[in-house]
């Protein structure tokens, strides 16, 4: 298991979503997509447009140890865990009624 001293470096690359769960209902979201993450840009291919725009900028918020990022569409994401081949992201989105929806995304690195 590789430990990343620079979280931004560790999350860069292509990631395939293997599971997505709504935190409140524990309901599986049944979506398949990939994220390509660069230094300040996330692009999505596949399903999941209600959770991830096809392309968006993001930036670090606070300490790198906290793993919080702000997405340009107003969402916050936190890298909950990261290894060489796996990553877990918690995505917090406010819906139109102002309620906070939290979804957990599990990814495997695509080394191809």
C-alpha atoms as a PDB file:
ATOM      1  CA  UNK A   1       0.000   0.000   0.000  1.00  0.00           C
ATOM      2  CA  UNK A   2       1.403   3.355  -1.031  1.00  0.00           C
ATOM      3  CA  UNK A   3       1.048   6.309   1.303  1.00  0.00           C
ATOM      4  CA  UNK A   4       0.707   9.620  -0.472  1.00  0.00           C
ATOM      5  CA  UNK A   5       2.373  12.639   1.075  1.00  0.00           C
ATOM      6  CA  UNK A   6       0.646  14.803  -1.524  1.00  0.00           C
ATOM      7  CA  UNK A   7      -3.049  13.944  -1.785  1.00  0.00           C
ATOM      8  CA  UNK A   8      -3.436  15.932  -5.003  1.00  0.00           C
ATOM      9  CA  UNK A   9      -0.785  13.757  -6.614  1.00  0.00           C
ATOM     10  CA  UNK A  10      -2.317  10.552  -5.262  1.00  0.00           C
ATOM     11  CA  UNK A  11      -5.815  11.132  -6.645  1.00  0.00           C
ATOM     12  CA  UNK A  12      -4.647  11.983 -10.165  1.00  0.00           C
ATOM     13  CA  UNK A  13      -5.387   9.411 -12.843  1.00  0.00           C
ATOM     14  CA  UNK A  14      -8.343   7.427 -14.113  1.00  0.00           C
ATOM     15  CA  UNK A  15     -10.729   5.887 -11.562  1.00  0.00           C
ATOM     16  CA  UNK A  16     -13.632   3.490 -12.200  1.00  0.00           C
ATOM     17  CA  UNK A  17     -16.604   3.697  -9.843  1.00  0.00           C
ATOM     18  CA  UNK A  18     -17.310   0.214  -8.489  1.00  0.00           C
ATOM     19  CA  UNK A  19     -20.012   1.188  -5.984  1.00  0.00           C
ATOM     20  CA  UNK A  20     -22.032   4.279  -5.071  1.00  0.00           C
ATOM     21  CA  UNK A  21     -24.254   4.489  -1.996  1.00  0.00           C
ATOM     22  CA  UNK A  22     -26.545   7.157  -0.560  1.00  0.00           C
ATOM     23  CA  UNK A  23     -25.369   7.652   3.025  1.00  0.00           C
ATOM     24  CA  UNK A  24     -28.813   8.323   4.515  1.00  0.00           C
ATOM     25  CA  UNK A  25     -30.830   5.528   2.890  1.00  0.00           C
ATOM     26  CA  UNK A  26     -27.874   3.173   2.298  1.00  0.00           C
ATOM     27  CA  UNK A  27     -29.400   2.664  -1.151  1.00  0.00           C
ATOM     28  CA  UNK A  28     -27.060   1.531  -3.931  1.00  0.00           C
ATOM     29  CA  UNK A  29     -27.145   4.149  -6.699  1.00  0.00           C
ATOM     30  CA  UNK A  30     -26.481   1.579  -9.485  1.00  0.00           C
ATOM     31  CA  UNK A  31     -24.401   3.814 -11.748  1.00  0.00           C
ATOM     32  CA  UNK A  32     -21.296   3.075 -13.788  1.00  0.00           C
ATOM     33  CA  UNK A  33     -18.814   5.795 -14.649  1.00  0.00           C
ATOM     34  CA  UNK A  34     -15.166   6.749 -14.635  1.00  0.00           C
ATOM     35  CA  UNK A  35     -13.422   9.875 -13.437  1.00  0.00           C
ATOM     36  CA  UNK A  36     -10.242  11.266 -14.922  1.00  0.00           C
ATOM     37  CA  UNK A  37      -8.639  13.529 -12.333  1.00  0.00           C
ATOM     38  CA  UNK A  38      -5.842  15.960 -13.113  1.00  0.00           C
ATOM     39  CA  UNK A  39      -4.277  18.686 -10.963  1.00  0.00           C
ATOM     40  CA  UNK A  40      -7.422  20.853 -10.863  1.00  0.00           C
ATOM     41  CA  UNK A  41      -9.905  19.245 -13.268  1.00  0.00           C
ATOM     42  CA  UNK A  42     -12.281  16.277 -13.026  1.00  0.00           C
ATOM     43  CA  UNK A  43     -13.872  14.793 -16.139  1.00  0.00           C
ATOM     44  CA  UNK A  44     -16.492  12.039 -16.093  1.00  0.00           C
ATOM     45  CA  UNK A  45     -17.366   9.428 -18.677  1.00  0.00           C
ATOM     46  CA  UNK A  46     -20.392   7.161 -18.431  1.00  0.00           C
ATOM     47  CA  UNK A  47     -23.445   7.584 -16.200  1.00  0.00           C
ATOM     48  CA  UNK A  48     -23.734   9.722 -13.102  1.00  0.00           C
ATOM     49  CA  UNK A  49     -24.454  13.197 -14.449  1.00  0.00           C
ATOM     50  CA  UNK A  50     -26.699  14.055 -11.505  1.00  0.00           C
ATOM     51  CA  UNK A  51     -23.685  13.509  -9.211  1.00  0.00           C
ATOM     52  CA  UNK A  52     -20.698  14.429 -11.393  1.00  0.00           C
ATOM     53  CA  UNK A  53     -20.669  16.987 -14.229  1.00  0.00           C
ATOM     54  CA  UNK A  54     -18.987  15.820 -17.428  1.00  0.00           C
ATOM     55  CA  UNK A  55     -16.145  18.225 -16.646  1.00  0.00           C
ATOM     56  CA  UNK A  56     -15.474  20.617 -13.752  1.00  0.00           C
ATOM     57  CA  UNK A  57     -12.726  22.413 -11.895  1.00  0.00           C
ATOM     58  CA  UNK A  58     -11.999  21.682  -8.258  1.00  0.00           C
ATOM     59  CA  UNK A  59      -9.712  23.100  -5.598  1.00  0.00           C
ATOM     60  CA  UNK A  60      -8.377  22.119  -2.198  1.00  0.00           C
ATOM     61  CA  UNK A  61     -10.183  23.593   0.808  1.00  0.00           C
ATOM     62  CA  UNK A  62      -8.346  23.778   4.124  1.00  0.00           C
ATOM     63  CA  UNK A  63      -5.555  21.384   5.031  1.00  0.00           C
ATOM     64  CA  UNK A  64      -4.327  18.717   2.619  1.00  0.00           C
ATOM     65  CA  UNK A  65      -4.632  16.230   5.523  1.00  0.00           C
ATOM     66  CA  UNK A  66      -8.401  16.805   5.695  1.00  0.00           C
ATOM     67  CA  UNK A  67      -8.859  15.877   2.039  1.00  0.00           C
ATOM     68  CA  UNK A  68     -11.652  18.398   1.400  1.00  0.00           C
ATOM     69  CA  UNK A  69     -12.150  19.796  -2.086  1.00  0.00           C
ATOM     70  CA  UNK A  70     -14.618  22.327  -3.475  1.00  0.00           C
ATOM     71  CA  UNK A  71     -16.103  21.643  -6.899  1.00  0.00           C
ATOM     72  CA  UNK A  72     -16.966  24.650  -9.069  1.00  0.00           C
ATOM     73  CA  UNK A  73     -20.649  23.619  -9.169  1.00  0.00           C
ATOM     74  CA  UNK A  74     -20.950  24.233  -5.414  1.00  0.00           C
ATOM     75  CA  UNK A  75     -20.407  20.696  -4.120  1.00  0.00           C
ATOM     76  CA  UNK A  76     -17.889  19.561  -1.552  1.00  0.00           C
ATOM     77  CA  UNK A  77     -16.060  16.272  -1.743  1.00  0.00           C
ATOM     78  CA  UNK A  78     -13.782  14.586   0.738  1.00  0.00           C
ATOM     79  CA  UNK A  79     -11.308  11.843  -0.015  1.00  0.00           C
ATOM     80  CA  UNK A  80     -12.095   9.461   2.848  1.00  0.00           C
ATOM     81  CA  UNK A  81      -9.425   6.899   1.974  1.00  0.00           C
ATOM     82  CA  UNK A  82      -6.782   6.453  -0.680  1.00  0.00           C
ATOM     83  CA  UNK A  83      -4.436   3.603  -1.518  1.00  0.00           C
ATOM     84  CA  UNK A  84      -2.490   2.899  -4.674  1.00  0.00           C
ATOM     85  CA  UNK A  85      -5.461   1.112  -6.265  1.00  0.00           C
ATOM     86  CA  UNK A  86      -8.572   2.245  -4.350  1.00  0.00           C
ATOM     87  CA  UNK A  87     -10.208   5.495  -3.320  1.00  0.00           C
ATOM     88  CA  UNK A  88     -13.371   6.401  -1.397  1.00  0.00           C
ATOM     89  CA  UNK A  89     -14.962   9.834  -1.891  1.00  0.00           C
ATOM     90  CA  UNK A  90     -17.805  11.378   0.091  1.00  0.00           C
ATOM     91  CA  UNK A  91     -19.754  13.856  -2.049  1.00  0.00           C
ATOM     92  CA  UNK A  92     -21.995  16.437  -0.331  1.00  0.00           C
ATOM     93  CA  UNK A  93     -24.625  18.133  -2.509  1.00  0.00           C
ATOM     94  CA  UNK A  94     -27.432  20.521  -1.509  1.00  0.00           C
ATOM     95  CA  UNK A  95     -30.658  19.766  -3.368  1.00  0.00           C
ATOM     96  CA  UNK A  96     -33.158  22.402  -4.540  1.00  0.00           C
ATOM     97  CA  UNK A  97     -34.946  22.282  -1.151  1.00  0.00           C
ATOM     98  CA  UNK A  98     -31.674  23.053   0.636  1.00  0.00           C
ATOM     99  CA  UNK A  99     -31.276  19.577   2.133  1.00  0.00           C
ATOM    100  CA  UNK A 100     -27.818  18.024   2.187  1.00  0.00           C
ATOM    101  CA  UNK A 101     -27.450  14.755   0.283  1.00  0.00           C
ATOM    102  CA  UNK A 102     -24.318  12.738   0.967  1.00  0.00           C
ATOM    103  CA  UNK A 103     -23.233   9.937  -1.329  1.00  0.00           C
ATOM    104  CA  UNK A 104     -20.230   7.657  -0.928  1.00  0.00           C
ATOM    105  CA  UNK A 105     -18.343   6.574  -4.062  1.00  0.00           C
ATOM    106  CA  UNK A 106     -15.916   3.650  -4.160  1.00  0.00           C
ATOM    107  CA  UNK A 107     -13.318   3.659  -6.932  1.00  0.00           C
ATOM    108  CA  UNK A 108     -10.627   1.382  -8.323  1.00  0.00           C
ATOM    109  CA  UNK A 109      -7.699   2.843 -10.231  1.00  0.00           C
ATOM    110  CA  UNK A 110      -7.711   2.084 -13.958  1.00  0.00           C
ATOM    111  CA  UNK A 111      -4.096   1.274 -14.806  1.00  0.00           C
ATOM    112  CA  UNK A 112      -4.706   0.721 -18.524  1.00  0.00           C
END
